[in-house]
Amino acid sequence: MSISRPLVQATLMLLGLIFLMPGCVAEPREGYFDRDHHRWYHNHVWQTCGENDEHCR
């Protein structure tokens, strides 16, 4: 019985980390250009590149 309580606590802690980790995604830096999707990051939002947009070169 003395081993089961720490084992249960460790298991619950690991499960909690597993469920919290997908929400911890790094935000791209300001002005980052995503070449694959033809967009750039500004003010915490993705901006679509327009024609002759200086940020999308």
N, C-alpha and C. Protein backbone atom coordinates (compact mmCIF):
# COMPACT_ATOMS: atom_id res chain seq x y z
N MET A 1 0.81 -1.20 0.00
CA MET A 1 0.00 0.00 0.00
C MET A 1 0.85 1.27 0.00
N SER A 2 2.04 1.22 0.58
CA SER A 2 2.86 2.43 0.66
C SER A 2 3.41 2.84 -0.70
N ILE A 3 3.56 1.92 -1.64
CA ILE A 3 4.06 2.24 -2.97
C ILE A 3 2.93 2.72 -3.88
N SER A 4 1.73 2.26 -3.66
CA SER A 4 0.62 2.57 -4.56
C SER A 4 0.24 4.06 -4.56
N ARG A 5 0.29 4.70 -3.41
CA ARG A 5 -0.09 6.12 -3.36
C ARG A 5 0.87 7.00 -4.17
N PRO A 6 2.20 6.91 -3.99
CA PRO A 6 3.10 7.72 -4.83
C PRO A 6 3.00 7.36 -6.31
N LEU A 7 2.74 6.10 -6.61
CA LEU A 7 2.60 5.67 -7.99
C LEU A 7 1.35 6.30 -8.62
N VAL A 8 0.27 6.34 -7.88
CA VAL A 8 -0.96 6.97 -8.37
C VAL A 8 -0.74 8.47 -8.55
N GLN A 9 -0.07 9.11 -7.62
CA GLN A 9 0.19 10.55 -7.72
C GLN A 9 1.07 10.85 -8.94
N ALA A 10 2.11 10.06 -9.16
CA ALA A 10 3.00 10.27 -10.30
C ALA A 10 2.25 10.04 -11.61
N THR A 11 1.40 9.02 -11.64
CA THR A 11 0.63 8.73 -12.85
C THR A 11 -0.33 9.87 -13.17
N LEU A 12 -1.01 10.39 -12.17
CA LEU A 12 -1.93 11.51 -12.38
C LEU A 12 -1.18 12.77 -12.82
N MET A 13 0.00 13.01 -12.27
CA MET A 13 0.79 14.16 -12.66
C MET A 13 1.22 14.04 -14.12
N LEU A 14 1.68 12.87 -14.53
CA LEU A 14 2.08 12.66 -15.91
C LEU A 14 0.90 12.79 -16.87
N LEU A 15 -0.25 12.26 -16.51
CA LEU A 15 -1.43 12.41 -17.35
C LEU A 15 -1.83 13.88 -17.48
N GLY A 16 -1.73 14.62 -16.39
CA GLY A 16 -2.02 16.05 -16.44
C GLY A 16 -1.08 16.78 -17.38
N LEU A 17 0.20 16.45 -17.35
CA LEU A 17 1.17 17.07 -18.26
C LEU A 17 0.89 16.71 -19.70
N ILE A 18 0.52 15.48 -19.94
CA ILE A 18 0.23 15.04 -21.31
C ILE A 18 -0.95 15.82 -21.87
N PHE A 19 -1.97 16.07 -21.06
CA PHE A 19 -3.15 16.78 -21.54
C PHE A 19 -2.92 18.29 -21.64
N LEU A 20 -1.98 18.83 -20.89
CA LEU A 20 -1.70 20.26 -20.95
C LEU A 20 -0.71 20.64 -22.04
N MET A 21 0.18 19.75 -22.41
CA MET A 21 1.23 20.07 -23.37
C MET A 21 0.74 20.47 -24.75
N PRO A 22 -0.29 19.88 -25.32
CA PRO A 22 -0.72 20.33 -26.66
C PRO A 22 -1.14 21.79 -26.70
N GLY A 23 -1.55 22.37 -25.60
CA GLY A 23 -1.93 23.77 -25.55
C GLY A 23 -0.76 24.71 -25.46
N CYS A 24 0.43 24.20 -25.20
CA CYS A 24 1.62 25.02 -25.07
C CYS A 24 2.36 25.07 -26.40
N VAL A 25 1.91 25.93 -27.27
CA VAL A 25 2.52 26.06 -28.59
C VAL A 25 3.19 27.42 -28.66
N ALA A 26 4.42 27.45 -29.12
CA ALA A 26 5.15 28.71 -29.22
C ALA A 26 4.55 29.58 -30.32
N GLU A 27 4.40 30.84 -30.02
CA GLU A 27 3.87 31.79 -30.99
C GLU A 27 5.01 32.23 -31.91
N PRO A 28 4.75 32.37 -33.21
CA PRO A 28 5.81 32.82 -34.12
C PRO A 28 6.22 34.25 -33.81
N ARG A 29 7.41 34.62 -34.21
CA ARG A 29 7.89 35.98 -33.94
C ARG A 29 7.18 37.00 -34.85
N GLU A 30 7.13 38.23 -34.41
CA GLU A 30 6.49 39.30 -35.15
C GLU A 30 7.16 39.46 -36.52
N GLY A 31 6.36 39.52 -37.56
CA GLY A 31 6.87 39.70 -38.91
C GLY A 31 7.30 38.43 -39.61
N TYR A 32 7.08 37.26 -38.97
CA TYR A 32 7.49 35.99 -39.58
C TYR A 32 6.67 35.73 -40.85
N PHE A 33 7.34 35.36 -41.94
CA PHE A 33 6.69 35.07 -43.21
C PHE A 33 6.58 33.57 -43.38
N ASP A 34 5.36 33.07 -43.53
CA ASP A 34 5.10 31.65 -43.74
C ASP A 34 4.99 31.43 -45.26
N ARG A 35 6.09 31.01 -45.85
CA ARG A 35 6.19 30.88 -47.29
C ARG A 35 5.20 29.86 -47.86
N ASP A 36 4.98 28.76 -47.14
CA ASP A 36 4.09 27.70 -47.62
C ASP A 36 2.64 28.17 -47.76
N HIS A 37 2.19 29.03 -46.86
CA HIS A 37 0.79 29.48 -46.87
C HIS A 37 0.64 30.92 -47.35
N HIS A 38 1.76 31.55 -47.75
CA HIS A 38 1.78 32.92 -48.28
C HIS A 38 1.05 33.88 -47.34
N ARG A 39 1.56 33.95 -46.09
CA ARG A 39 0.99 34.83 -45.08
C ARG A 39 2.11 35.27 -44.14
N TRP A 40 1.89 36.30 -43.36
CA TRP A 40 2.87 36.76 -42.38
C TRP A 40 2.18 37.06 -41.06
N TYR A 41 2.95 37.04 -39.96
CA TYR A 41 2.42 37.14 -38.61
C TYR A 41 2.60 38.57 -38.10
N HIS A 42 1.49 39.20 -37.69
CA HIS A 42 1.53 40.57 -37.20
C HIS A 42 0.43 40.78 -36.16
N ASN A 43 0.78 41.37 -35.01
CA ASN A 43 -0.16 41.65 -33.91
C ASN A 43 -0.92 40.40 -33.46
N HIS A 44 -0.21 39.29 -33.31
CA HIS A 44 -0.76 38.02 -32.82
C HIS A 44 -1.79 37.40 -33.75
N VAL A 45 -1.78 37.77 -35.02
CA VAL A 45 -2.73 37.25 -36.00
C VAL A 45 -1.99 37.03 -37.32
N TRP A 46 -2.38 35.99 -38.05
CA TRP A 46 -1.83 35.77 -39.38
C TRP A 46 -2.48 36.73 -40.37
N GLN A 47 -1.66 37.42 -41.17
CA GLN A 47 -2.13 38.36 -42.18
C GLN A 47 -1.91 37.74 -43.56
N THR A 48 -2.90 37.80 -44.43
CA THR A 48 -2.77 37.29 -45.78
C THR A 48 -1.95 38.28 -46.60
N CYS A 49 -1.05 37.75 -47.41
CA CYS A 49 -0.21 38.60 -48.25
C CYS A 49 -1.01 39.11 -49.44
N GLY A 50 -0.93 40.41 -49.65
CA GLY A 50 -1.57 41.02 -50.80
C GLY A 50 -0.55 41.19 -51.92
N GLU A 51 -1.01 41.66 -53.03
CA GLU A 51 -0.12 41.88 -54.17
C GLU A 51 0.83 43.03 -53.84
N ASN A 52 2.11 42.84 -54.10
CA ASN A 52 3.17 43.83 -53.82
C ASN A 52 3.30 44.16 -52.33
N ASP A 53 2.98 43.22 -51.46
CA ASP A 53 3.11 43.41 -50.01
C ASP A 53 4.58 43.32 -49.64
N GLU A 54 5.10 44.35 -48.98
CA GLU A 54 6.53 44.39 -48.64
C GLU A 54 6.95 43.30 -47.64
N HIS A 55 6.02 42.77 -46.89
CA HIS A 55 6.34 41.74 -45.89
C HIS A 55 6.44 40.35 -46.51
N CYS A 56 6.02 40.18 -47.73
CA CYS A 56 5.90 38.85 -48.34
C CYS A 56 6.85 38.69 -49.53
N ARG A 57 8.09 38.91 -49.30
CA ARG A 57 9.08 38.77 -50.38
C ARG A 57 9.91 37.55 -50.19
